Amino acid sequence: MQGLAGRIVRVHLRGHLVDSGADLFSGEERFHNGANDNMKRFDIITEADARSLDVGETVALAKGGRVTPLAADTLKDRRVTVLAEDFVDRSDAGLAPAADIRRVAIGSDHTGLALKAALIAALRGKGIAVDDLGTLSAEPVDYPDTASRVAKSVARGEADAGIVIDGAGIGSSIAANKVKGVRAAVCHDPTMARYARQHNGANVLSLGSTLIHATEALEVVNVWLSTPMTEPRYIRRLAKIRMLESDGKR
């Protein structure tokens, strides 16, 4: 940071850095980034603006907008999230799960062998490539081992989506979510599957072999794989989840 006069502050905008000068005029208005999803929008954020915001609030900064030096410190203290209005047009758009699913990684513990086999056959019958990452026998295995293999395959981009299976689906979901870049969701009906993809950008689906029949599971998988995530407001929320992954390493 430079001296008081004419100093420059860099404020993190969820993957972007904006140079902020000492301008003291603010143009605030409301803007819509998706239906029923309003947030305050600023061309310039001043110290007074920053102090008027609620702790933990999220606001939008217009393209090319600036944050004054004192405001930057206050925003940090108040844990206010500042999002560049155009940020979804950049790298954050890549946070959305792949819409064109051509390869799926699948894994289960010993309780999910039959369900896994049924899903593999159905997916391959639709022309989707499937990587079976185990387990391959009825010998007891630990679900974190199979779930992590699937999650890492998705995180590395080796598969467009992943499916993990254990008795209830909960343990595998927890394990998969420990892998950076993975968003795993337990879904036992088509409505949950649609929400998991459309609203939450889940790139790994978790199923409980003792809670869902193969025919029901296939319906869930079909809805999940065919539902895209396109709205900027949902993608913006994935950027916040990504920041939580970074915060956890501090």
C-alpha atoms as a PDB file:
ATOM      1  CA  MET A   1       0.000   0.000   0.000  1.00  0.00           C
ATOM      2  CA  GLN A   2       1.297   3.465  -0.913  1.00  0.00           C
ATOM      3  CA  GLY A   3       1.089   6.676   1.125  1.00  0.00           C
ATOM      4  CA  LEU A   4      -2.210   8.251   2.167  1.00  0.00           C
ATOM      5  CA  ALA A   5      -2.404  10.552  -0.859  1.00  0.00           C
ATOM      6  CA  GLY A   6      -3.216   8.733  -4.084  1.00  0.00           C
ATOM      7  CA  ARG A   7      -2.620   5.290  -2.604  1.00  0.00           C
ATOM      8  CA  ILE A   8      -3.818   2.179  -4.379  1.00  0.00           C
ATOM      9  CA  VAL A   9      -5.598  -0.755  -2.735  1.00  0.00           C
ATOM     10  CA  ARG A  10      -6.235  -4.116  -4.310  1.00  0.00           C
ATOM     11  CA  VAL A  11      -9.450  -5.788  -3.274  1.00  0.00           C
ATOM     12  CA  HIS A  12     -10.105  -9.458  -3.975  1.00  0.00           C
ATOM     13  CA  LEU A  13     -13.283  -9.908  -5.983  1.00  0.00           C
ATOM     14  CA  ARG A  14     -13.655 -13.669  -5.983  1.00  0.00           C
ATOM     15  CA  GLY A  15     -10.819 -14.326  -8.355  1.00  0.00           C
ATOM     16  CA  HIS A  16     -10.308 -10.746  -9.588  1.00  0.00           C
ATOM     17  CA  LEU A  17      -8.227  -7.826  -8.375  1.00  0.00           C
ATOM     18  CA  VAL A  18      -9.517  -4.281  -8.766  1.00  0.00           C
ATOM     19  CA  ASP A  19      -7.283  -1.231  -8.306  1.00  0.00           C
ATOM     20  CA  SER A  20      -9.032   1.251  -6.041  1.00  0.00           C
ATOM     21  CA  GLY A  21      -8.283   4.970  -5.839  1.00  0.00           C
ATOM     22  CA  ALA A  22      -9.445   7.643  -3.400  1.00  0.00           C
ATOM     23  CA  ASP A  23     -12.653   8.659  -5.209  1.00  0.00           C
ATOM     24  CA  LEU A  24     -15.350   9.531  -2.690  1.00  0.00           C
ATOM     25  CA  PHE A  25     -18.510   9.471  -4.775  1.00  0.00           C
ATOM     26  CA  SER A  26     -20.768   6.445  -4.870  1.00  0.00           C
ATOM     27  CA  GLY A  27     -23.473   5.555  -7.333  1.00  0.00           C
ATOM     28  CA  GLU A  28     -25.619   2.890  -5.698  1.00  0.00           C
ATOM     29  CA  GLU A  29     -28.589   1.192  -7.289  1.00  0.00           C
ATOM     30  CA  ARG A  30     -30.276  -2.169  -7.235  1.00  0.00           C
ATOM     31  CA  PHE A  31     -29.568  -4.712  -9.907  1.00  0.00           C
ATOM     32  CA  HIS A  32     -31.016  -8.101 -10.693  1.00  0.00           C
ATOM     33  CA  ASN A  33     -28.735 -11.037 -11.346  1.00  0.00           C
ATOM     34  CA  GLY A  34     -31.488 -13.594 -11.765  1.00  0.00           C
ATOM     35  CA  ALA A  35     -35.122 -13.587 -10.700  1.00  0.00           C
ATOM     36  CA  ASN A  36     -35.787 -12.607  -7.072  1.00  0.00           C
ATOM     37  CA  ASP A  37     -32.049 -12.300  -6.431  1.00  0.00           C
ATOM     38  CA  ASN A  38     -31.197  -8.669  -5.749  1.00  0.00           C
ATOM     39  CA  MET A  39     -28.062  -7.198  -4.259  1.00  0.00           C
ATOM     40  CA  LYS A  40     -26.656  -3.704  -3.857  1.00  0.00           C
ATOM     41  CA  ARG A  41     -24.603  -2.487  -6.809  1.00  0.00           C
ATOM     42  CA  PHE A  42     -21.862   0.134  -6.638  1.00  0.00           C
ATOM     43  CA  ASP A  43     -19.775   1.997  -9.181  1.00  0.00           C
ATOM     44  CA  ILE A  44     -17.509   3.095  -6.323  1.00  0.00           C
ATOM     45  CA  ILE A  45     -17.509   1.822  -2.735  1.00  0.00           C
ATOM     46  CA  THR A  46     -16.526   4.454  -0.184  1.00  0.00           C
ATOM     47  CA  GLU A  47     -15.841   4.142   3.542  1.00  0.00           C
ATOM     48  CA  ALA A  48     -19.357   5.377   4.282  1.00  0.00           C
ATOM     49  CA  ASP A  49     -20.810   2.772   1.928  1.00  0.00           C
ATOM     50  CA  ALA A  50     -18.752   0.023   3.510  1.00  0.00           C
ATOM     51  CA  ARG A  51     -19.912   0.924   7.014  1.00  0.00           C
ATOM     52  CA  SER A  52     -23.552   0.874   5.886  1.00  0.00           C
ATOM     53  CA  LEU A  53     -23.327  -2.751   4.804  1.00  0.00           C
ATOM     54  CA  ASP A  54     -24.289  -5.658   7.009  1.00  0.00           C
ATOM     55  CA  VAL A  55     -21.609  -8.010   8.295  1.00  0.00           C
ATOM     56  CA  GLY A  56     -21.235 -10.880   5.831  1.00  0.00           C
ATOM     57  CA  GLU A  57     -23.253  -9.130   3.110  1.00  0.00           C
ATOM     58  CA  THR A  58     -22.527  -9.623  -0.596  1.00  0.00           C
ATOM     59  CA  VAL A  59     -22.516  -6.652  -2.967  1.00  0.00           C
ATOM     60  CA  ALA A  60     -21.762  -6.139  -6.652  1.00  0.00           C
ATOM     61  CA  LEU A  61     -19.160  -3.795  -8.108  1.00  0.00           C
ATOM     62  CA  ALA A  62     -19.813  -2.506 -11.618  1.00  0.00           C
ATOM     63  CA  LYS A  63     -17.361  -3.427 -14.343  1.00  0.00           C
ATOM     64  CA  GLY A  64     -14.378  -1.124 -13.962  1.00  0.00           C
ATOM     65  CA  GLY A  65     -15.623  -0.021 -10.537  1.00  0.00           C
ATOM     66  CA  ARG A  66     -13.361   0.947  -7.662  1.00  0.00           C
ATOM     67  CA  VAL A  67     -13.106   0.624  -3.884  1.00  0.00           C
ATOM     68  CA  THR A  68     -11.531   3.422  -1.836  1.00  0.00           C
ATOM     69  CA  PRO A  69      -8.599   2.482   0.429  1.00  0.00           C
ATOM     70  CA  LEU A  70     -10.430   3.025   3.717  1.00  0.00           C
ATOM     71  CA  ALA A  71     -13.443   1.162   2.370  1.00  0.00           C
ATOM     72  CA  ALA A  72     -11.269  -1.819   1.500  1.00  0.00           C
ATOM     73  CA  ASP A  73     -10.148  -2.154   5.116  1.00  0.00           C
ATOM     74  CA  THR A  74     -13.702  -1.835   6.406  1.00  0.00           C
ATOM     75  CA  LEU A  75     -15.033  -4.379   3.922  1.00  0.00           C
ATOM     76  CA  LYS A  76     -12.423  -6.850   5.091  1.00  0.00           C
ATOM     77  CA  ASP A  77     -13.243  -6.234   8.761  1.00  0.00           C
ATOM     78  CA  ARG A  78     -16.960  -6.655   8.122  1.00  0.00           C
ATOM     79  CA  ARG A  79     -16.389  -9.756   5.980  1.00  0.00           C
ATOM     80  CA  VAL A  80     -18.291  -8.229   3.061  1.00  0.00           C
ATOM     81  CA  THR A  81     -18.023 -10.135  -0.206  1.00  0.00           C
ATOM     82  CA  VAL A  82     -17.516  -7.887  -3.250  1.00  0.00           C
ATOM     83  CA  LEU A  83     -18.316  -9.494  -6.583  1.00  0.00           C
ATOM     84  CA  ALA A  84     -17.293  -7.988  -9.910  1.00  0.00           C
ATOM     85  CA  GLU A  85     -20.498  -7.608 -11.908  1.00  0.00           C
ATOM     86  CA  ASP A  86     -18.897  -9.286 -14.910  1.00  0.00           C
ATOM     87  CA  PHE A  87     -17.181 -12.090 -13.000  1.00  0.00           C
ATOM     88  CA  VAL A  88     -19.418 -14.852 -14.320  1.00  0.00           C
ATOM     89  CA  ASP A  89     -18.236 -14.004 -17.835  1.00  0.00           C
ATOM     90  CA  ARG A  90     -14.701 -15.050 -16.866  1.00  0.00           C
ATOM     91  CA  SER A  91     -13.162 -18.127 -15.319  1.00  0.00           C
ATOM     92  CA  ASP A  92     -15.920 -18.611 -12.743  1.00  0.00           C
ATOM     93  CA  ALA A  93     -18.241 -19.815 -15.492  1.00  0.00           C
ATOM     94  CA  GLY A  94     -16.100 -22.956 -15.517  1.00  0.00           C
ATOM     95  CA  LEU A  95     -17.357 -23.769 -12.034  1.00  0.00           C
ATOM     96  CA  ALA A  96     -20.611 -25.047 -13.513  1.00  0.00           C
ATOM     97  CA  PRO A  97     -20.615 -28.832 -13.961  1.00  0.00           C
ATOM     98  CA  ALA A  98     -20.188 -30.195 -17.464  1.00  0.00           C
ATOM     99  CA  ALA A  99     -23.474 -30.077 -19.346  1.00  0.00           C
ATOM    100  CA  ASP A 100     -22.469 -32.609 -21.998  1.00  0.00           C
ATOM    101  CA  ILE A 101     -21.768 -35.784 -20.036  1.00  0.00           C
ATOM    102  CA  ARG A 102     -19.713 -38.222 -22.079  1.00  0.00           C
ATOM    103  CA  ARG A 103     -17.732 -40.033 -19.389  1.00  0.00           C
ATOM    104  CA  VAL A 104     -18.822 -40.963 -15.870  1.00  0.00           C
ATOM    105  CA  ALA A 105     -16.652 -42.315 -13.056  1.00  0.00           C
ATOM    106  CA  ILE A 106     -18.508 -44.638 -10.702  1.00  0.00           C
ATOM    107  CA  GLY A 107     -17.526 -46.384  -7.494  1.00  0.00           C
ATOM    108  CA  SER A 108     -19.215 -48.204  -4.638  1.00  0.00           C
ATOM    109  CA  ASP A 109     -18.421 -50.058  -1.475  1.00  0.00           C
ATOM    110  CA  HIS A 110     -19.390 -53.713  -1.128  1.00  0.00           C
ATOM    111  CA  THR A 111     -23.027 -52.853  -0.362  1.00  0.00           C
ATOM    112  CA  GLY A 112     -23.522 -51.160  -3.717  1.00  0.00           C
ATOM    113  CA  LEU A 113     -22.172 -53.754  -6.139  1.00  0.00           C
ATOM    114  CA  ALA A 114     -25.548 -54.709  -7.626  1.00  0.00           C
ATOM    115  CA  LEU A 115     -26.709 -51.122  -8.004  1.00  0.00           C
ATOM    116  CA  LYS A 116     -23.390 -50.091  -9.528  1.00  0.00           C
ATOM    117  CA  ALA A 117     -23.587 -52.897 -12.080  1.00  0.00           C
ATOM    118  CA  ALA A 118     -27.131 -51.900 -13.074  1.00  0.00           C
ATOM    119  CA  LEU A 119     -26.168 -48.265 -13.539  1.00  0.00           C
ATOM    120  CA  ILE A 120     -23.057 -49.117 -15.545  1.00  0.00           C
ATOM    121  CA  ALA A 121     -25.075 -51.262 -17.938  1.00  0.00           C
ATOM    122  CA  ALA A 122     -27.736 -48.572 -18.368  1.00  0.00           C
ATOM    123  CA  LEU A 123     -25.256 -45.747 -18.923  1.00  0.00           C
ATOM    124  CA  ARG A 124     -23.170 -47.685 -21.400  1.00  0.00           C
ATOM    125  CA  GLY A 125     -26.393 -48.586 -23.185  1.00  0.00           C
ATOM    126  CA  LYS A 126     -26.925 -44.858 -23.709  1.00  0.00           C
ATOM    127  CA  GLY A 127     -23.460 -44.490 -25.226  1.00  0.00           C
ATOM    128  CA  ILE A 128     -21.881 -42.931 -22.146  1.00  0.00           C
ATOM    129  CA  ALA A 129     -18.377 -44.124 -21.285  1.00  0.00           C
ATOM    130  CA  VAL A 130     -18.129 -45.418 -17.720  1.00  0.00           C
ATOM    131  CA  ASP A 131     -15.012 -45.904 -15.593  1.00  0.00           C
ATOM    132  CA  ASP A 132     -15.669 -48.511 -12.898  1.00  0.00           C
ATOM    133  CA  LEU A 133     -13.370 -47.539 -10.031  1.00  0.00           C
ATOM    134  CA  GLY A 134     -14.387 -50.371  -7.729  1.00  0.00           C
ATOM    135  CA  THR A 135     -14.963 -52.160  -5.610  1.00  0.00           C
ATOM    136  CA  LEU A 136     -15.077 -55.290  -7.735  1.00  0.00           C
ATOM    137  CA  SER A 137     -15.803 -57.951  -5.094  1.00  0.00           C
ATOM    138  CA  ALA A 138     -18.107 -58.531  -2.151  1.00  0.00           C
ATOM    139  CA  GLU A 139     -15.230 -58.263   0.294  1.00  0.00           C
ATOM    140  CA  PRO A 140     -15.891 -55.386   2.748  1.00  0.00           C
ATOM    141  CA  VAL A 141     -14.186 -52.114   1.831  1.00  0.00           C
ATOM    142  CA  ASP A 142     -14.260 -48.624   3.313  1.00  0.00           C
ATOM    143  CA  TYR A 143     -16.428 -46.123   1.451  1.00  0.00           C
ATOM    144  CA  PRO A 144     -13.872 -43.257   1.683  1.00  0.00           C
ATOM    145  CA  ASP A 145     -11.538 -45.291  -0.531  1.00  0.00           C
ATOM    146  CA  THR A 146     -14.018 -45.780  -3.367  1.00  0.00           C
ATOM    147  CA  ALA A 147     -15.547 -42.308  -3.038  1.00  0.00           C
ATOM    148  CA  SER A 148     -12.168 -40.587  -3.135  1.00  0.00           C
ATOM    149  CA  ARG A 149     -11.167 -42.388  -6.322  1.00  0.00           C
ATOM    150  CA  VAL A 150     -14.304 -41.139  -8.061  1.00  0.00           C
ATOM    151  CA  ALA A 151     -13.983 -37.629  -6.646  1.00  0.00           C
ATOM    152  CA  LYS A 152     -10.356 -37.295  -7.715  1.00  0.00           C
ATOM    153  CA  SER A 153     -11.211 -38.493 -11.212  1.00  0.00           C
ATOM    154  CA  VAL A 154     -13.828 -35.741 -11.520  1.00  0.00           C
ATOM    155  CA  ALA A 155     -11.573 -33.087  -9.956  1.00  0.00           C
ATOM    156  CA  ARG A 156      -8.774 -33.934 -12.405  1.00  0.00           C
ATOM    157  CA  GLY A 157     -11.145 -33.728 -15.355  1.00  0.00           C
ATOM    158  CA  GLU A 158     -10.771 -37.410 -16.231  1.00  0.00           C
ATOM    159  CA  ALA A 159     -14.550 -37.804 -15.997  1.00  0.00           C
ATOM    160  CA  ASP A 160     -17.343 -35.316 -16.667  1.00  0.00           C
ATOM    161  CA  ALA A 161     -19.311 -36.482 -13.633  1.00  0.00           C
ATOM    162  CA  GLY A 162     -19.103 -39.036 -10.849  1.00  0.00           C
ATOM    163  CA  ILE A 163     -21.410 -41.415  -9.006  1.00  0.00           C
ATOM    164  CA  VAL A 164     -20.586 -42.846  -5.592  1.00  0.00           C
ATOM    165  CA  ILE A 165     -22.568 -45.511  -3.769  1.00  0.00           C
ATOM    166  CA  ASP A 166     -22.656 -46.941  -0.269  1.00  0.00           C
ATOM    167  CA  GLY A 167     -25.404 -48.129   2.074  1.00  0.00           C
ATOM    168  CA  ALA A 168     -27.018 -44.736   2.689  1.00  0.00           C
ATOM    169  CA  GLY A 169     -24.971 -42.514   0.386  1.00  0.00           C
ATOM    170  CA  ILE A 170     -24.114 -40.133   3.200  1.00  0.00           C
ATOM    171  CA  GLY A 171     -20.608 -41.342   3.991  1.00  0.00           C
ATOM    172  CA  SER A 172     -19.492 -41.370   0.384  1.00  0.00           C
ATOM    173  CA  SER A 173     -20.853 -37.859  -0.074  1.00  0.00           C
ATOM    174  CA  ILE A 174     -18.906 -36.604   2.934  1.00  0.00           C
ATOM    175  CA  ALA A 175     -15.723 -38.277   1.713  1.00  0.00           C
ATOM    176  CA  ALA A 176     -16.076 -37.019  -1.869  1.00  0.00           C
ATOM    177  CA  ASN A 177     -16.639 -33.469  -0.675  1.00  0.00           C
ATOM    178  CA  LYS A 178     -13.223 -33.455   0.978  1.00  0.00           C
ATOM    179  CA  VAL A 179     -11.646 -33.407  -2.490  1.00  0.00           C
ATOM    180  CA  LYS A 180     -11.121 -29.844  -3.690  1.00  0.00           C
ATOM    181  CA  GLY A 181     -13.383 -28.905  -6.575  1.00  0.00           C
ATOM    182  CA  VAL A 182     -15.917 -31.631  -5.865  1.00  0.00           C
ATOM    183  CA  ARG A 183     -19.517 -30.949  -4.924  1.00  0.00           C
ATOM    184  CA  ALA A 184     -21.224 -34.217  -4.025  1.00  0.00           C
ATOM    185  CA  ALA A 185     -24.918 -34.478  -3.191  1.00  0.00           C
ATOM    186  CA  VAL A 186     -27.050 -37.335  -1.884  1.00  0.00           C
ATOM    187  CA  CYS A 187     -30.154 -37.646  -4.067  1.00  0.00           C
ATOM    188  CA  HIS A 188     -32.892 -40.251  -3.726  1.00  0.00           C
ATOM    189  CA  ASP A 189     -35.549 -38.755  -5.998  1.00  0.00           C
ATOM    190  CA  PRO A 190     -35.611 -36.822  -9.285  1.00  0.00           C
ATOM    191  CA  THR A 191     -36.483 -33.508  -7.645  1.00  0.00           C
ATOM    192  CA  MET A 192     -33.391 -33.639  -5.443  1.00  0.00           C
ATOM    193  CA  ALA A 193     -31.331 -34.613  -8.483  1.00  0.00           C
ATOM    194  CA  ARG A 194     -32.586 -31.621 -10.468  1.00  0.00           C
ATOM    195  CA  TYR A 195     -31.914 -29.191  -7.643  1.00  0.00           C
ATOM    196  CA  ALA A 196     -28.491 -30.679  -6.965  1.00  0.00           C
ATOM    197  CA  ARG A 197     -27.402 -29.917 -10.515  1.00  0.00           C
ATOM    198  CA  GLN A 198     -29.363 -26.796 -11.431  1.00  0.00           C
ATOM    199  CA  HIS A 199     -28.990 -24.899  -8.163  1.00  0.00           C
ATOM    200  CA  ASN A 200     -25.939 -26.444  -6.488  1.00  0.00           C
ATOM    201  CA  GLY A 201     -23.753 -27.525  -9.391  1.00  0.00           C
ATOM    202  CA  ALA A 202     -23.169 -31.008  -7.984  1.00  0.00           C
ATOM    203  CA  ASN A 203     -20.591 -32.849 -10.071  1.00  0.00           C
ATOM    204  CA  VAL A 204     -20.762 -36.044  -8.018  1.00  0.00           C
ATOM    205  CA  LEU A 205     -23.996 -37.898  -7.242  1.00  0.00           C
ATOM    206  CA  SER A 206     -24.197 -40.056  -4.120  1.00  0.00           C
ATOM    207  CA  LEU A 207     -26.696 -42.908  -3.818  1.00  0.00           C
ATOM    208  CA  GLY A 208     -27.671 -45.201  -0.959  1.00  0.00           C
ATOM    209  CA  SER A 209     -27.988 -48.785  -2.137  1.00  0.00           C
ATOM    210  CA  THR A 210     -30.203 -49.749   0.823  1.00  0.00           C
ATOM    211  CA  LEU A 211     -32.548 -46.791   0.301  1.00  0.00           C
ATOM    212  CA  ILE A 212     -33.267 -46.817  -3.419  1.00  0.00           C
ATOM    213  CA  HIS A 213     -34.091 -49.490  -6.007  1.00  0.00           C
ATOM    214  CA  ALA A 214     -32.173 -49.740  -9.267  1.00  0.00           C
ATOM    215  CA  THR A 215     -35.093 -48.490 -11.374  1.00  0.00           C
ATOM    216  CA  GLU A 216     -35.523 -45.452  -9.117  1.00  0.00           C
ATOM    217  CA  ALA A 217     -31.784 -44.835  -9.058  1.00  0.00           C
ATOM    218  CA  LEU A 218     -31.636 -44.864 -12.844  1.00  0.00           C
ATOM    219  CA  GLU A 219     -34.384 -42.239 -13.003  1.00  0.00           C
ATOM    220  CA  VAL A 220     -32.440 -40.108 -10.534  1.00  0.00           C
ATOM    221  CA  VAL A 221     -29.238 -40.517 -12.555  1.00  0.00           C
ATOM    222  CA  ASN A 222     -30.977 -39.634 -15.826  1.00  0.00           C
ATOM    223  CA  VAL A 223     -32.440 -36.413 -14.404  1.00  0.00           C
ATOM    224  CA  TRP A 224     -29.164 -35.496 -12.719  1.00  0.00           C
ATOM    225  CA  LEU A 225     -27.046 -35.995 -15.837  1.00  0.00           C
ATOM    226  CA  SER A 226     -29.460 -34.151 -18.118  1.00  0.00           C
ATOM    227  CA  THR A 227     -29.970 -31.051 -15.957  1.00  0.00           C
ATOM    228  CA  PRO A 228     -27.612 -28.153 -16.759  1.00  0.00           C
ATOM    229  CA  MET A 229     -26.565 -25.280 -14.518  1.00  0.00           C
ATOM    230  CA  THR A 230     -26.681 -22.016 -16.418  1.00  0.00           C
ATOM    231  CA  GLU A 231     -27.913 -19.115 -14.273  1.00  0.00           C
ATOM    232  CA  PRO A 232     -25.226 -16.641 -13.166  1.00  0.00           C
ATOM    233  CA  ARG A 233     -26.691 -16.332  -9.658  1.00  0.00           C
ATOM    234  CA  TYR A 234     -26.121 -20.040  -9.057  1.00  0.00           C
ATOM    235  CA  ILE A 235     -22.616 -19.972 -10.498  1.00  0.00           C
ATOM    236  CA  ARG A 236     -21.817 -16.996  -8.293  1.00  0.00           C
ATOM    237  CA  ARG A 237     -22.680 -19.104  -5.258  1.00  0.00           C
ATOM    238  CA  LEU A 238     -20.282 -21.809  -6.401  1.00  0.00           C
ATOM    239  CA  ALA A 239     -17.545 -19.183  -6.319  1.00  0.00           C
ATOM    240  CA  LYS A 240     -18.335 -18.691  -2.649  1.00  0.00           C
ATOM    241  CA  ILE A 241     -18.081 -22.432  -2.044  1.00  0.00           C
ATOM    242  CA  ARG A 242     -14.688 -22.371  -3.740  1.00  0.00           C
ATOM    243  CA  MET A 243     -13.606 -19.630  -1.370  1.00  0.00           C
ATOM    244  CA  LEU A 244     -14.621 -21.814   1.583  1.00  0.00           C
ATOM    245  CA  GLU A 245     -12.205 -24.459   0.297  1.00  0.00           C
ATOM    246  CA  SER A 246      -9.435 -21.867   0.323  1.00  0.00           C
ATOM    247  CA  ASP A 247     -10.397 -20.561   3.772  1.00  0.00           C
ATOM    248  CA  GLY A 248     -10.134 -24.055   5.206  1.00  0.00           C
ATOM    249  CA  LYS A 249      -6.419 -24.148   4.404  1.00  0.00           C
ATOM    250  CA  ARG A 250      -5.542 -21.005   6.345  1.00  0.00           C
END
